[in-house]
């Protein structure tokens, strides 16, 4: 039988329980073998913002999924120069898993701009996009949708850290410890991406 894999790209600044809950939903509802998290070095749609260093976001991701054998982390984008284009990533994954059935997980907010993604027609031929809905009418599109409303955002987490509030239960404990250890998100002023 073909392996069924889902790629879950994003800034993950930081990874939080919302990401993990949605990934688990995808595993179960799509009958997947693995979810592969792919932290972006720099999102081509968020070039005016600068997330925490890629190596630290990668470290937090690895810590978050360490005890979950069905979740993997692929660091190819953080080693690539320039913006992280999904088509480049998918082609590399396809070369590694030539027989796998590939899904690509996106948030509902990505759907309206999907037509602007580099080589979108090639990308649609390589993967089945699956949309994370938010439990309400997310607009009309033809992609399969997994609906669950999880009101945790990376923006909220960064804001809480900057203002000295607790983020316990919003992120896995090893991620909270890394944020504390590296003094991340202490400056409340930068405008950072929301994911």
Foldseek 3Di string as FASTA:
>chain_A
DAAEEEEEEDQCLPPWVVVVVVLVLCCPVVVHQAYEYEHAQAAPVPNVAHGDHPVLNQVLVCVQCVPPVRYHYDHVRNVDPDGRAVVVVLVVVCVVRVRHAYEYEDELVCVVVLVVGPPSVVVVVRHQYEYEAQQDPSDDDDGHYDYHHDPAKSLVVLQCLLVVHDCPPGHPPVSVVSCVVVVPSNDVPGDHDID
